[in-house]
Amino acid sequence: QVQLVESGGGLVQAGGSLRLSCAASGRTFGTYAMGWIRQAPGKERELVAAISWSGRMTYYAESVKGRFTISRDNGKNTVFLQMNSLKPEDTAVYYCAADREPYGSNSYTVALRDYDDWGQGTQVTVSS
């Protein structure tokens, strides 16, 4: 099991930016695919972005393409989500999650059930 701790959430005006970080415990972080998932009040969880453990392959939901960027630093056991041009509809609790058994170095999953470990979440609120 890996422990995940998110940080960087907060209140921002529409059009602003935030950078979320997720620090992971353990020595095998570099072999996990990672994802950022959000959940708005009254809505289902949504995969926002995912990244392979190599960092070479990424996925973005259509709603955030061109605005969000996922990246990772395996040497620091950290994954990031840079969020630009934020909109009120981006308001949600953002979770990072780890897939401990990806198919390969350039693999990620879009299925939430495949994520093994989840952080506690960080609130992002975008005001209009």
Foldseek 3Di string as FASTA:
>chain_A
DKAKAKDWADEEAAQAKIKMKIAIDDDVLLQKKKWKWWDDPPDDIATAKIAFSLRPEMDGDPVQPPFWDWGDDSVRRMIMIIGGRDDQVVWTWMKMFIQNDAPDRGGDDRDPVRTDDIYPTDTHGYHD
